[in-house]
PDB file of N, CA and C in Angstrom:
ATOM      1  N   MET A   1      44.952  48.733 147.304  1.00  0.00           N
ATOM      2  CA  MET A   1      45.054  48.555 145.867  1.00  0.00           C
ATOM      3  C   MET A   1      44.676  49.872 145.190  1.00  0.00           C
ATOM      4  N   ALA A   2      45.488  50.311 144.260  1.00  0.00           N
ATOM      5  CA  ALA A   2      45.236  51.578 143.557  1.00  0.00           C
ATOM      6  C   ALA A   2      44.083  51.409 142.581  1.00  0.00           C
ATOM      7  N   GLU A   3      43.277  52.438 142.494  1.00  0.00           N
ATOM      8  CA  GLU A   3      42.160  52.431 141.559  1.00  0.00           C
ATOM      9  C   GLU A   3      42.694  52.643 140.147  1.00  0.00           C
ATOM     10  N   GLN A   4      42.197  51.874 139.213  1.00  0.00           N
ATOM     11  CA  GLN A   4      42.648  52.012 137.842  1.00  0.00           C
ATOM     12  C   GLN A   4      41.576  52.684 137.013  1.00  0.00           C
ATOM     13  N   ASN A   5      42.010  53.580 136.139  1.00  0.00           N
ATOM     14  CA  ASN A   5      41.091  54.263 135.231  1.00  0.00           C
ATOM     15  C   ASN A   5      41.390  53.791 133.821  1.00  0.00           C
ATOM     16  N   PRO A   6      40.601  52.863 133.289  1.00  0.00           N
ATOM     17  CA  PRO A   6      40.865  52.403 131.931  1.00  0.00           C
ATOM     18  C   PRO A   6      40.610  53.526 130.929  1.00  0.00           C
ATOM     19  N   VAL A   7      41.417  53.543 129.893  1.00  0.00           N
ATOM     20  CA  VAL A   7      41.277  54.549 128.850  1.00  0.00           C
ATOM     21  C   VAL A   7      40.793  53.852 127.596  1.00  0.00           C
ATOM     22  N   THR A   8      39.700  54.336 127.036  1.00  0.00           N
ATOM     23  CA  THR A   8      39.174  53.802 125.797  1.00  0.00           C
ATOM     24  C   THR A   8      39.403  54.839 124.717  1.00  0.00           C
ATOM     25  N   ILE A   9      40.147  54.457 123.712  1.00  0.00           N
ATOM     26  CA  ILE A   9      40.455  55.349 122.608  1.00  0.00           C
ATOM     27  C   ILE A   9      39.569  54.975 121.429  1.00  0.00           C
ATOM     28  N   LYS A  10      38.838  55.959 120.901  1.00  0.00           N
ATOM     29  CA  LYS A  10      37.982  55.718 119.742  1.00  0.00           C
ATOM     30  C   LYS A  10      38.814  55.781 118.472  1.00  0.00           C
ATOM     31  N   ALA A  11      38.538  54.876 117.566  1.00  0.00           N
ATOM     32  CA  ALA A  11      39.225  54.904 116.284  1.00  0.00           C
ATOM     33  C   ALA A  11      38.306  55.370 115.168  1.00  0.00           C
ATOM     34  N   GLY A  12      37.026  55.179 115.330  1.00  0.00           N
ATOM     35  CA  GLY A  12      36.079  55.558 114.284  1.00  0.00           C
ATOM     36  C   GLY A  12      35.471  56.907 114.549  1.00  0.00           C
ATOM     37  N   ARG A  13      34.518  57.279 113.729  1.00  0.00           N
ATOM     38  CA  ARG A  13      33.827  58.529 113.987  1.00  0.00           C
ATOM     39  C   ARG A  13      32.334  58.303 113.994  1.00  0.00           C
ATOM     40  N   ASP A  14      31.645  59.282 114.525  1.00  0.00           N
ATOM     41  CA  ASP A  14      30.199  59.208 114.659  1.00  0.00           C
ATOM     42  C   ASP A  14      29.558  59.752 113.387  1.00  0.00           C
ATOM     43  N   ILE A  15      29.093  58.839 112.551  1.00  0.00           N
ATOM     44  CA  ILE A  15      28.545  59.252 111.271  1.00  0.00           C
ATOM     45  C   ILE A  15      27.125  58.717 111.140  1.00  0.00           C
ATOM     46  N   SER A  16      26.212  59.592 110.786  1.00  0.00           N
ATOM     47  CA  SER A  16      24.837  59.188 110.489  1.00  0.00           C
ATOM     48  C   SER A  16      24.686  59.264 108.976  1.00  0.00           C
ATOM     49  N   GLY A  17      24.682  58.119 108.327  1.00  0.00           N
ATOM     50  CA  GLY A  17      24.697  58.109 106.866  1.00  0.00           C
ATOM     51  C   GLY A  17      26.039  58.659 106.416  1.00  0.00           C
ATOM     52  N   ASN A  18      26.017  59.714 105.632  1.00  0.00           N
ATOM     53  CA  ASN A  18      27.248  60.347 105.194  1.00  0.00           C
ATOM     54  C   ASN A  18      27.499  61.667 105.908  1.00  0.00           C
ATOM     55  N   VAL A  19      26.695  61.984 106.897  1.00  0.00           N
ATOM     56  CA  VAL A  19      26.803  63.257 107.595  1.00  0.00           C
ATOM     57  C   VAL A  19      27.484  63.044 108.941  1.00  0.00           C
ATOM     58  N   ILE A  20      28.507  63.816 109.209  1.00  0.00           N
ATOM     59  CA  ILE A  20      29.204  63.738 110.483  1.00  0.00           C
ATOM     60  C   ILE A  20      28.425  64.563 111.498  1.00  0.00           C
ATOM     61  N   ASN A  21      28.139  63.995 112.634  1.00  0.00           N
ATOM     62  CA  ASN A  21      27.381  64.682 113.665  1.00  0.00           C
ATOM     63  C   ASN A  21      28.345  65.411 114.601  1.00  0.00           C
ATOM     64  N   LEU A  22      28.779  66.604 114.182  1.00  0.00           N
ATOM     65  CA  LEU A  22      29.736  67.373 114.977  1.00  0.00           C
ATOM     66  C   LEU A  22      29.157  67.780 116.321  1.00  0.00           C
ATOM     67  N   GLY A  23      27.865  68.046 116.383  1.00  0.00           N
ATOM     68  CA  GLY A  23      27.243  68.425 117.648  1.00  0.00           C
ATOM     69  C   GLY A  23      27.387  67.334 118.699  1.00  0.00           C
ATOM     70  N   GLU A  24      27.149  66.110 118.298  1.00  0.00           N
ATOM     71  CA  GLU A  24      27.281  64.985 119.236  1.00  0.00           C
ATOM     72  C   GLU A  24      28.735  64.778 119.630  1.00  0.00           C
ATOM     73  N   ILE A  25      29.626  64.895 118.671  1.00  0.00           N
ATOM     74  CA  ILE A  25      31.057  64.737 118.964  1.00  0.00           C
ATOM     75  C   ILE A  25      31.512  65.816 119.937  1.00  0.00           C
ATOM     76  N   LYS A  26      31.095  67.080 119.695  1.00  0.00           N
ATOM     77  CA  LYS A  26      31.450  68.179 120.604  1.00  0.00           C
ATOM     78  C   LYS A  26      30.920  67.910 122.007  1.00  0.00           C
ATOM     79  N   GLY A  27      29.703  67.384 122.100  1.00  0.00           N
ATOM     80  CA  GLY A  27      29.129  67.051 123.400  1.00  0.00           C
ATOM     81  C   GLY A  27      29.937  65.983 124.120  1.00  0.00           C
ATOM     82  N   ASN A  28      30.379  64.966 123.371  1.00  0.00           N
ATOM     83  CA  ASN A  28      31.210  63.914 123.959  1.00  0.00           C
ATOM     84  C   ASN A  28      32.531  64.481 124.477  1.00  0.00           C
ATOM     85  N   VAL A  29      33.114  65.397 123.700  1.00  0.00           N
ATOM     86  CA  VAL A  29      34.378  66.013 124.099  1.00  0.00           C
ATOM     87  C   VAL A  29      34.180  66.826 125.373  1.00  0.00           C
ATOM     88  N   THR A  30      33.125  67.626 125.411  1.00  0.00           N
ATOM     89  CA  THR A  30      32.832  68.440 126.597  1.00  0.00           C
ATOM     90  C   THR A  30      32.642  67.555 127.820  1.00  0.00           C
ATOM     91  N   ASN A  31      31.897  66.472 127.663  1.00  0.00           N
ATOM     92  CA  ASN A  31      31.686  65.545 128.784  1.00  0.00           C
ATOM     93  C   ASN A  31      32.996  64.937 129.261  1.00  0.00           C
ATOM     94  N   ALA A  32      33.856  64.545 128.318  1.00  0.00           N
ATOM     95  CA  ALA A  32      35.147  63.958 128.691  1.00  0.00           C
ATOM     96  C   ALA A  32      36.018  64.973 129.437  1.00  0.00           C
ATOM     97  N   ILE A  33      36.044  66.214 128.960  1.00  0.00           N
ATOM     98  CA  ILE A  33      36.833  67.251 129.621  1.00  0.00           C
ATOM     99  C   ILE A  33      36.289  67.505 131.024  1.00  0.00           C
ATOM    100  N   ASN A  34      34.971  67.529 131.167  1.00  0.00           N
ATOM    101  CA  ASN A  34      34.360  67.789 132.464  1.00  0.00           C
ATOM    102  C   ASN A  34      34.602  66.667 133.473  1.00  0.00           C
ATOM    103  N   GLN A  35      35.002  65.486 133.002  1.00  0.00           N
ATOM    104  CA  GLN A  35      35.314  64.373 133.907  1.00  0.00           C
ATOM    105  C   GLN A  35      36.659  64.571 134.616  1.00  0.00           C
ATOM    106  N   ILE A  36      37.503  65.436 134.079  1.00  0.00           N
ATOM    107  CA  ILE A  36      38.805  65.687 134.702  1.00  0.00           C
ATOM    108  C   ILE A  36      38.549  66.427 136.008  1.00  0.00           C
ATOM    109  N   PRO A  37      39.025  65.877 137.106  1.00  0.00           N
ATOM    110  CA  PRO A  37      38.753  66.521 138.396  1.00  0.00           C
ATOM    111  C   PRO A  37      39.452  67.875 138.508  1.00  0.00           C
ATOM    112  N   ASN A  38      38.867  68.752 139.299  1.00  0.00           N
ATOM    113  CA  ASN A  38      39.458  70.068 139.540  1.00  0.00           C
ATOM    114  C   ASN A  38      40.521  69.943 140.621  1.00  0.00           C
ATOM    115  N   LYS A  39      41.711  69.587 140.189  1.00  0.00           N
ATOM    116  CA  LYS A  39      42.848  69.480 141.100  1.00  0.00           C
ATOM    117  C   LYS A  39      43.859  70.539 140.697  1.00  0.00           C
ATOM    118  N   GLU A  40      44.823  70.728 141.564  1.00  0.00           N
ATOM    119  CA  GLU A  40      45.846  71.745 141.311  1.00  0.00           C
ATOM    120  C   GLU A  40      46.544  71.547 139.968  1.00  0.00           C
ATOM    121  N   ASN A  41      46.890  70.306 139.623  1.00  0.00           N
ATOM    122  CA  ASN A  41      47.638  70.060 138.396  1.00  0.00           C
ATOM    123  C   ASN A  41      46.757  69.746 137.189  1.00  0.00           C
ATOM    124  N   SER A  42      45.434  69.651 137.364  1.00  0.00           N
ATOM    125  CA  SER A  42      44.578  69.316 136.225  1.00  0.00           C
ATOM    126  C   SER A  42      43.832  70.524 135.666  1.00  0.00           C
ATOM    127  N   GLY A  43      43.843  71.621 136.380  1.00  0.00           N
ATOM    128  CA  GLY A  43      43.134  72.807 135.917  1.00  0.00           C
ATOM    129  C   GLY A  43      43.652  73.301 134.586  1.00  0.00           C
ATOM    130  N   ASP A  44      44.971  73.303 134.432  1.00  0.00           N
ATOM    131  CA  ASP A  44      45.557  73.767 133.181  1.00  0.00           C
ATOM    132  C   ASP A  44      45.134  72.899 132.011  1.00  0.00           C
ATOM    133  N   ILE A  45      45.134  71.599 132.201  1.00  0.00           N
ATOM    134  CA  ILE A  45      44.795  70.715 131.095  1.00  0.00           C
ATOM    135  C   ILE A  45      43.326  70.863 130.718  1.00  0.00           C
ATOM    136  N   LYS A  46      42.453  71.058 131.686  1.00  0.00           N
ATOM    137  CA  LYS A  46      41.038  71.269 131.372  1.00  0.00           C
ATOM    138  C   LYS A  46      40.866  72.536 130.545  1.00  0.00           C
ATOM    139  N   THR A  47      41.535  73.596 130.965  1.00  0.00           N
ATOM    140  CA  THR A  47      41.450  74.869 130.244  1.00  0.00           C
ATOM    141  C   THR A  47      42.019  74.731 128.843  1.00  0.00           C
ATOM    142  N   LEU A  48      43.169  74.104 128.734  1.00  0.00           N
ATOM    143  CA  LEU A  48      43.810  73.943 127.419  1.00  0.00           C
ATOM    144  C   LEU A  48      42.974  73.076 126.483  1.00  0.00           C
ATOM    145  N   LEU A  49      42.427  71.986 126.989  1.00  0.00           N
ATOM    146  CA  LEU A  49      41.611  71.123 126.140  1.00  0.00           C
ATOM    147  C   LEU A  49      40.326  71.822 125.716  1.00  0.00           C
ATOM    148  N   THR A  50      39.768  72.630 126.602  1.00  0.00           N
ATOM    149  CA  THR A  50      38.580  73.410 126.242  1.00  0.00           C
ATOM    150  C   THR A  50      38.917  74.429 125.158  1.00  0.00           C
ATOM    151  N   GLN A  51      40.053  75.113 125.311  1.00  0.00           N
ATOM    152  CA  GLN A  51      40.487  76.074 124.288  1.00  0.00           C
ATOM    153  C   GLN A  51      40.730  75.376 122.957  1.00  0.00           C
ATOM    154  N   LEU A  52      41.336  74.196 123.015  1.00  0.00           N
ATOM    155  CA  LEU A  52      41.610  73.438 121.802  1.00  0.00           C
ATOM    156  C   LEU A  52      40.304  73.007 121.131  1.00  0.00           C
ATOM    157  N   GLN A  53      39.350  72.532 121.918  1.00  0.00           N
ATOM    158  CA  GLN A  53      38.048  72.143 121.381  1.00  0.00           C
ATOM    159  C   GLN A  53      37.375  73.332 120.693  1.00  0.00           C
ATOM    160  N   GLU A  54      37.391  74.482 121.340  1.00  0.00           N
ATOM    161  CA  GLU A  54      36.753  75.669 120.777  1.00  0.00           C
ATOM    162  C   GLU A  54      37.449  76.131 119.503  1.00  0.00           C
ATOM    163  N   ALA A  55      38.779  76.094 119.490  1.00  0.00           N
ATOM    164  CA  ALA A  55      39.532  76.523 118.309  1.00  0.00           C
ATOM    165  C   ALA A  55      39.260  75.606 117.119  1.00  0.00           C
ATOM    166  N   ILE A  56      39.215  74.314 117.374  1.00  0.00           N
ATOM    167  CA  ILE A  56      38.927  73.355 116.294  1.00  0.00           C
ATOM    168  C   ILE A  56      37.508  73.568 115.778  1.00  0.00           C
ATOM    169  N   SER A  57      36.561  73.685 116.683  1.00  0.00           N
ATOM    170  CA  SER A  57      35.159  73.848 116.295  1.00  0.00           C
ATOM    171  C   SER A  57      34.922  75.113 115.483  1.00  0.00           C
ATOM    172  N   ALA A  58      35.641  76.173 115.819  1.00  0.00           N
ATOM    173  CA  ALA A  58      35.424  77.469 115.170  1.00  0.00           C
ATOM    174  C   ALA A  58      36.210  77.650 113.877  1.00  0.00           C
ATOM    175  N   ASP A  59      37.198  76.809 113.637  1.00  0.00           N
ATOM    176  CA  ASP A  59      38.058  77.010 112.471  1.00  0.00           C
ATOM    177  C   ASP A  59      37.307  76.752 111.172  1.00  0.00           C
ATOM    178  N   LYS A  60      37.336  77.724 110.289  1.00  0.00           N
ATOM    179  CA  LYS A  60      36.622  77.621 109.010  1.00  0.00           C
ATOM    180  C   LYS A  60      37.436  76.895 107.936  1.00  0.00           C
ATOM    181  N   ASP A  61      38.730  76.697 108.184  1.00  0.00           N
ATOM    182  CA  ASP A  61      39.580  76.035 107.204  1.00  0.00           C
ATOM    183  C   ASP A  61      39.582  74.515 107.326  1.00  0.00           C
ATOM    184  N   LEU A  62      39.082  74.005 108.435  1.00  0.00           N
ATOM    185  CA  LEU A  62      39.035  72.553 108.629  1.00  0.00           C
ATOM    186  C   LEU A  62      37.739  71.984 108.058  1.00  0.00           C
ATOM    187  N   ALA A  63      37.873  70.939 107.279  1.00  0.00           N
ATOM    188  CA  ALA A  63      36.687  70.223 106.786  1.00  0.00           C
ATOM    189  C   ALA A  63      36.020  69.526 107.963  1.00  0.00           C
ATOM    190  N   ASP A  64      34.734  69.244 107.839  1.00  0.00           N
ATOM    191  CA  ASP A  64      34.004  68.590 108.924  1.00  0.00           C
ATOM    192  C   ASP A  64      34.653  67.268 109.335  1.00  0.00           C
ATOM    193  N   GLU A  65      35.135  66.492 108.378  1.00  0.00           N
ATOM    194  CA  GLU A  65      35.794  65.223 108.709  1.00  0.00           C
ATOM    195  C   GLU A  65      37.038  65.463 109.546  1.00  0.00           C
ATOM    196  N   ASP A  66      37.825  66.486 109.178  1.00  0.00           N
ATOM    197  CA  ASP A  66      39.027  66.809 109.943  1.00  0.00           C
ATOM    198  C   ASP A  66      38.668  67.316 111.333  1.00  0.00           C
ATOM    199  N   LYS A  67      37.596  68.117 111.422  1.00  0.00           N
ATOM    200  CA  LYS A  67      37.135  68.583 112.734  1.00  0.00           C
ATOM    201  C   LYS A  67      36.743  67.390 113.599  1.00  0.00           C
ATOM    202  N   ALA A  68      36.000  66.454 113.022  1.00  0.00           N
ATOM    203  CA  ALA A  68      35.564  65.276 113.770  1.00  0.00           C
ATOM    204  C   ALA A  68      36.773  64.479 114.265  1.00  0.00           C
ATOM    205  N   ASP A  69      37.738  64.269 113.381  1.00  0.00           N
ATOM    206  CA  ASP A  69      38.943  63.528 113.778  1.00  0.00           C
ATOM    207  C   ASP A  69      39.712  64.266 114.870  1.00  0.00           C
ATOM    208  N   ALA A  70      39.874  65.573 114.715  1.00  0.00           N
ATOM    209  CA  ALA A  70      40.608  66.370 115.695  1.00  0.00           C
ATOM    210  C   ALA A  70      39.883  66.383 117.037  1.00  0.00           C
ATOM    211  N   LEU A  71      38.563  66.546 117.009  1.00  0.00           N
ATOM    212  CA  LEU A  71      37.792  66.563 118.252  1.00  0.00           C
ATOM    213  C   LEU A  71      37.848  65.213 118.959  1.00  0.00           C
ATOM    214  N   GLU A  72      37.884  64.131 118.208  1.00  0.00           N
ATOM    215  CA  GLU A  72      38.008  62.811 118.823  1.00  0.00           C
ATOM    216  C   GLU A  72      39.353  62.675 119.535  1.00  0.00           C
ATOM    217  N   GLN A  73      40.390  63.272 118.975  1.00  0.00           N
ATOM    218  CA  GLN A  73      41.695  63.234 119.642  1.00  0.00           C
ATOM    219  C   GLN A  73      41.688  64.079 120.915  1.00  0.00           C
ATOM    220  N   VAL A  74      40.966  65.193 120.901  1.00  0.00           N
ATOM    221  CA  VAL A  74      40.822  66.004 122.117  1.00  0.00           C
ATOM    222  C   VAL A  74      40.087  65.193 123.184  1.00  0.00           C
ATOM    223  N   GLU A  75      39.055  64.479 122.773  1.00  0.00           N
ATOM    224  CA  GLU A  75      38.330  63.607 123.706  1.00  0.00           C
ATOM    225  C   GLU A  75      39.267  62.544 124.278  1.00  0.00           C
ATOM    226  N   ASN A  76      40.084  61.958 123.412  1.00  0.00           N
ATOM    227  CA  ASN A  76      41.054  60.957 123.866  1.00  0.00           C
ATOM    228  C   ASN A  76      42.020  61.561 124.891  1.00  0.00           C
ATOM    229  N   LEU A  77      42.498  62.780 124.636  1.00  0.00           N
ATOM    230  CA  LEU A  77      43.417  63.431 125.568  1.00  0.00           C
ATOM    231  C   LEU A  77      42.742  63.674 126.919  1.00  0.00           C
ATOM    232  N   ALA A  78      41.467  64.033 126.902  1.00  0.00           N
ATOM    233  CA  ALA A  78      40.744  64.235 128.161  1.00  0.00           C
ATOM    234  C   ALA A  78      40.655  62.922 128.936  1.00  0.00           C
ATOM    235  N   LYS A  79      40.399  61.840 128.242  1.00  0.00           N
ATOM    236  CA  LYS A  79      40.334  60.533 128.901  1.00  0.00           C
ATOM    237  C   LYS A  79      41.710  60.117 129.408  1.00  0.00           C
ATOM    238  N   ILE A  80      42.740  60.426 128.645  1.00  0.00           N
ATOM    239  CA  ILE A  80      44.104  60.088 129.042  1.00  0.00           C
ATOM    240  C   ILE A  80      44.500  60.865 130.296  1.00  0.00           C
ATOM    241  N   ALA A  81      44.013  62.095 130.424  1.00  0.00           N
ATOM    242  CA  ALA A  81      44.333  62.909 131.602  1.00  0.00           C
ATOM    243  C   ALA A  81      43.857  62.231 132.890  1.00  0.00           C
ATOM    244  N   LEU A  82      42.859  61.374 132.792  1.00  0.00           N
ATOM    245  CA  LEU A  82      42.341  60.648 133.949  1.00  0.00           C
ATOM    246  C   LEU A  82      43.144  59.384 134.267  1.00  0.00           C
ATOM    247  N   HIS A  83      43.948  58.963 133.346  1.00  0.00           N
ATOM    248  CA  HIS A  83      44.699  57.715 133.480  1.00  0.00           C
ATOM    249  C   HIS A  83      45.694  57.836 134.628  1.00  0.00           C
ATOM    250  N   ASP A  84      45.827  56.783 135.433  1.00  0.00           N
ATOM    251  CA  ASP A  84      46.678  56.868 136.615  1.00  0.00           C
ATOM    252  C   ASP A  84      48.055  56.208 136.474  1.00  0.00           C
ATOM    253  N   LYS A  85      48.400  55.738 135.300  1.00  0.00           N
ATOM    254  CA  LYS A  85      49.726  55.145 135.094  1.00  0.00           C
ATOM    255  C   LYS A  85      50.542  56.072 134.199  1.00  0.00           C
ATOM    256  N   PRO A  86      51.499  56.806 134.780  1.00  0.00           N
ATOM    257  CA  PRO A  86      52.250  57.812 134.016  1.00  0.00           C
ATOM    258  C   PRO A  86      52.895  57.302 132.732  1.00  0.00           C
ATOM    259  N   GLU A  87      53.472  56.098 132.762  1.00  0.00           N
ATOM    260  CA  GLU A  87      54.146  55.589 131.568  1.00  0.00           C
ATOM    261  C   GLU A  87      53.155  55.315 130.438  1.00  0.00           C
ATOM    262  N   GLU A  88      51.989  54.783 130.774  1.00  0.00           N
ATOM    263  CA  GLU A  88      50.958  54.545 129.771  1.00  0.00           C
ATOM    264  C   GLU A  88      50.343  55.858 129.314  1.00  0.00           C
ATOM    265  N   LYS A  89      50.177  56.768 130.245  1.00  0.00           N
ATOM    266  CA  LYS A  89      49.604  58.082 129.944  1.00  0.00           C
ATOM    267  C   LYS A  89      50.447  58.785 128.885  1.00  0.00           C
ATOM    268  N   LEU A  90      51.763  58.758 129.055  1.00  0.00           N
ATOM    269  CA  LEU A  90      52.660  59.421 128.111  1.00  0.00           C
ATOM    270  C   LEU A  90      52.585  58.787 126.724  1.00  0.00           C
ATOM    271  N   THR A  91      52.557  57.466 126.670  1.00  0.00           N
ATOM    272  CA  THR A  91      52.477  56.766 125.387  1.00  0.00           C
ATOM    273  C   THR A  91      51.168  57.072 124.670  1.00  0.00           C
ATOM    274  N   LEU A  92      50.064  56.970 125.391  1.00  0.00           N
ATOM    275  CA  LEU A  92      48.756  57.242 124.795  1.00  0.00           C
ATOM    276  C   LEU A  92      48.636  58.705 124.360  1.00  0.00           C
ATOM    277  N   ALA A  93      49.111  59.617 125.201  1.00  0.00           N
ATOM    278  CA  ALA A  93      49.051  61.040 124.873  1.00  0.00           C
ATOM    279  C   ALA A  93      49.899  61.345 123.648  1.00  0.00           C
ATOM    280  N   SER A  94      51.056  60.740 123.545  1.00  0.00           N
ATOM    281  CA  SER A  94      51.928  60.965 122.385  1.00  0.00           C
ATOM    282  C   SER A  94      51.239  60.554 121.092  1.00  0.00           C
ATOM    283  N   LYS A  95      50.559  59.421 121.115  1.00  0.00           N
ATOM    284  CA  LYS A  95      49.845  58.948 119.919  1.00  0.00           C
ATOM    285  C   LYS A  95      48.729  59.917 119.536  1.00  0.00           C
ATOM    286  N   ALA A  96      47.946  60.340 120.523  1.00  0.00           N
ATOM    287  CA  ALA A  96      46.842  61.263 120.250  1.00  0.00           C
ATOM    288  C   ALA A  96      47.367  62.603 119.744  1.00  0.00           C
ATOM    289  N   LEU A  97      48.445  63.089 120.341  1.00  0.00           N
ATOM    290  CA  LEU A  97      49.012  64.376 119.926  1.00  0.00           C
ATOM    291  C   LEU A  97      49.596  64.311 118.519  1.00  0.00           C
ATOM    292  N   ARG A  98      50.245  63.194 118.176  1.00  0.00           N
ATOM    293  CA  ARG A  98      50.775  63.051 116.806  1.00  0.00           C
ATOM    294  C   ARG A  98      49.639  63.076 115.783  1.00  0.00           C
ATOM    295  N   ALA A  99      48.562  62.369 116.083  1.00  0.00           N
ATOM    296  CA  ALA A  99      47.414  62.353 115.177  1.00  0.00           C
ATOM    297  C   ALA A  99      46.820  63.749 115.050  1.00  0.00           C
ATOM    298  N   LEU A 100      46.701  64.428 116.155  1.00  0.00           N
ATOM    299  CA  LEU A 100      46.142  65.784 116.158  1.00  0.00           C
ATOM    300  C   LEU A 100      47.025  66.748 115.380  1.00  0.00           C
ATOM    301  N   LYS A 101      48.321  66.639 115.552  1.00  0.00           N
ATOM    302  CA  LYS A 101      49.256  67.526 114.836  1.00  0.00           C
ATOM    303  C   LYS A 101      49.163  67.315 113.322  1.00  0.00           C
ATOM    304  N   ARG A 102      48.988  66.064 112.893  1.00  0.00           N
ATOM    305  CA  ARG A 102      48.868  65.806 111.449  1.00  0.00           C
ATOM    306  C   ARG A 102      47.624  66.480 110.871  1.00  0.00           C
ATOM    307  N   ILE A 103      46.556  66.527 111.661  1.00  0.00           N
ATOM    308  CA  ILE A 103      45.304  67.104 111.182  1.00  0.00           C
ATOM    309  C   ILE A 103      45.378  68.621 111.103  1.00  0.00           C
ATOM    310  N   ILE A 104      45.977  69.248 112.098  1.00  0.00           N
ATOM    311  CA  ILE A 104      45.902  70.714 112.213  1.00  0.00           C
ATOM    312  C   ILE A 104      47.244  71.403 111.979  1.00  0.00           C
ATOM    313  N   ASP A 105      48.199  70.715 111.432  1.00  0.00           N
ATOM    314  CA  ASP A 105      49.556  71.237 111.294  1.00  0.00           C
ATOM    315  C   ASP A 105      49.634  72.596 110.592  1.00  0.00           C
ATOM    316  N   ASN A 106      48.759  72.867 109.657  1.00  0.00           N
ATOM    317  CA  ASN A 106      48.828  74.120 108.892  1.00  0.00           C
ATOM    318  C   ASN A 106      47.962  75.238 109.466  1.00  0.00           C
ATOM    319  N   ILE A 107      47.456  75.058 110.663  1.00  0.00           N
ATOM    320  CA  ILE A 107      46.616  76.082 111.287  1.00  0.00           C
ATOM    321  C   ILE A 107      47.348  76.582 112.528  1.00  0.00           C
ATOM    322  N   PRO A 108      48.065  77.712 112.410  1.00  0.00           N
ATOM    323  CA  PRO A 108      48.961  78.170 113.475  1.00  0.00           C
ATOM    324  C   PRO A 108      48.311  78.335 114.847  1.00  0.00           C
ATOM    325  N   THR A 109      47.122  78.870 114.918  1.00  0.00           N
ATOM    326  CA  THR A 109      46.484  79.097 116.214  1.00  0.00           C
ATOM    327  C   THR A 109      46.251  77.785 116.948  1.00  0.00           C
ATOM    328  N   ILE A 110      45.703  76.815 116.240  1.00  0.00           N
ATOM    329  CA  ILE A 110      45.429  75.516 116.856  1.00  0.00           C
ATOM    330  C   ILE A 110      46.734  74.787 117.145  1.00  0.00           C
ATOM    331  N   ALA A 111      47.692  74.876 116.248  1.00  0.00           N
ATOM    332  CA  ALA A 111      48.980  74.208 116.440  1.00  0.00           C
ATOM    333  C   ALA A 111      49.673  74.706 117.706  1.00  0.00           C
ATOM    334  N   LYS A 112      49.551  75.987 117.991  1.00  0.00           N
ATOM    335  CA  LYS A 112      50.162  76.560 119.198  1.00  0.00           C
ATOM    336  C   LYS A 112      49.523  75.967 120.455  1.00  0.00           C
ATOM    337  N   ILE A 113      48.207  75.817 120.463  1.00  0.00           N
ATOM    338  CA  ILE A 113      47.517  75.229 121.616  1.00  0.00           C
ATOM    339  C   ILE A 113      47.936  73.765 121.774  1.00  0.00           C
ATOM    340  N   VAL A 114      48.029  73.035 120.666  1.00  0.00           N
ATOM    341  CA  VAL A 114      48.436  71.623 120.720  1.00  0.00           C
ATOM    342  C   VAL A 114      49.837  71.513 121.306  1.00  0.00           C
ATOM    343  N   GLU A 115      50.729  72.404 120.934  1.00  0.00           N
ATOM    344  CA  GLU A 115      52.091  72.399 121.466  1.00  0.00           C
ATOM    345  C   GLU A 115      52.066  72.593 122.979  1.00  0.00           C
ATOM    346  N   THR A 116      51.236  73.499 123.459  1.00  0.00           N
ATOM    347  CA  THR A 116      51.118  73.751 124.889  1.00  0.00           C
ATOM    348  C   THR A 116      50.542  72.530 125.603  1.00  0.00           C
ATOM    349  N   VAL A 117      49.532  71.906 125.010  1.00  0.00           N
ATOM    350  CA  VAL A 117      48.937  70.702 125.584  1.00  0.00           C
ATOM    351  C   VAL A 117      49.993  69.603 125.678  1.00  0.00           C
ATOM    352  N   SER A 118      50.801  69.446 124.646  1.00  0.00           N
ATOM    353  CA  SER A 118      51.814  68.382 124.657  1.00  0.00           C
ATOM    354  C   SER A 118      52.814  68.593 125.797  1.00  0.00           C
ATOM    355  N   LYS A 119      53.136  69.839 126.106  1.00  0.00           N
ATOM    356  CA  LYS A 119      54.054  70.114 127.207  1.00  0.00           C
ATOM    357  C   LYS A 119      53.445  69.719 128.548  1.00  0.00           C
ATOM    358  N   VAL A 120      52.150  69.860 128.702  1.00  0.00           N
ATOM    359  CA  VAL A 120      51.478  69.500 129.945  1.00  0.00           C
ATOM    360  C   VAL A 120      51.542  67.978 130.151  1.00  0.00           C
ATOM    361  N   PHE A 121      51.362  67.211 129.092  1.00  0.00           N
ATOM    362  CA  PHE A 121      51.378  65.760 129.221  1.00  0.00           C
ATOM    363  C   PHE A 121      52.777  65.211 129.435  1.00  0.00           C
ATOM    364  N   VAL A 122      53.787  65.882 128.915  1.00  0.00           N
ATOM    365  CA  VAL A 122      55.161  65.396 129.050  1.00  0.00           C
ATOM    366  C   VAL A 122      55.679  65.617 130.466  1.00  0.00           C
ATOM    367  N   VAL A 123      55.240  66.675 131.111  1.00  0.00           N
ATOM    368  CA  VAL A 123      55.754  66.993 132.464  1.00  0.00           C
ATOM    369  C   VAL A 123      55.309  66.010 133.475  1.00  0.00           C
TER     370      VAL A 123
END
């Protein structure tokens, strides 16, 4: 019997009162990325998701709420990378990538990384 890796997608954000805890969200994203095993075909996605996380975190044009939303989608993509059903993986990744593109569409550097990430999930 094949081992199944359930994917849990977060819809909300981590808010303490009215303050978004970006540090905790970044930590969750890092942990999710680090769960991706070091295999021949997963190395690229780990690197790309790490680059995407860093670009989002460092961008001065994104509001904290947008950063939190974008980072949650990066976390979702890391969890999706672990998913073992290709058809479900593609559907879940497409949803996360569409949400991410809406958030960062006007930031060329981040948009370029997202485009590269989307190509990895489609293949």
